């Protein structure tokens, strides 16, 4: 089976499994999405969704976030890992949004990635899920599965993102990256042995 055939089969199976893909992180606008994604680094979406309602109740806008002290933000997100660093980033992120962008989340990678706590993956998620631009954010699930499926030889998420964008048409990127994430969580968890990972078995069965 060629790489192109494997990619087509993966897309077909994922579309059958997940015809609808809700955005995993609860949010109401691009700002709250960006905050939620920044908080999700090295923790679970489930934990972020448990913490953000309390945070957004008092700091749901850049103006409100910037007014809080770092320690106040940290107290609101203390259940999340790296809370000290993330609290500092959120406050400075909000301040820079006000200083540079009149409190509006920008719609370019360059401007997004210049904000504290916003790396390329977070920027890609905001561009894709916040604004609807074609993007293929790659997390560890996607990197691991695309490697398993022999759709990338990338040594990091940036290389894997390039491969994903070259394999699948732009029109499916926003949905497909979420479908792969959902599949990874349900059928091929990183700490499991992949017994339920039927796509990998299907691609490489004798």
Foldseek 3Di string as FASTA:
>chain_A
DDLLVLVVVLVVVLCVVPVDFDDLADADALVLLLLLVLLPVPHHSVLSNVQVVQVCVQPVFLVRLLPDDLVVQLVSNVVGPPSSQSSVQSNQLSVCCCVPPVRDQDQDQVVQCVGRSRHNLSSQCSNCVRVNAQAARDDPLQVVVCVLSVQFPDPDRVRSRVSVPVNDPSVCRSPVNSSSVVCCVPQNDPPDPRPRVVSSCVNDPD
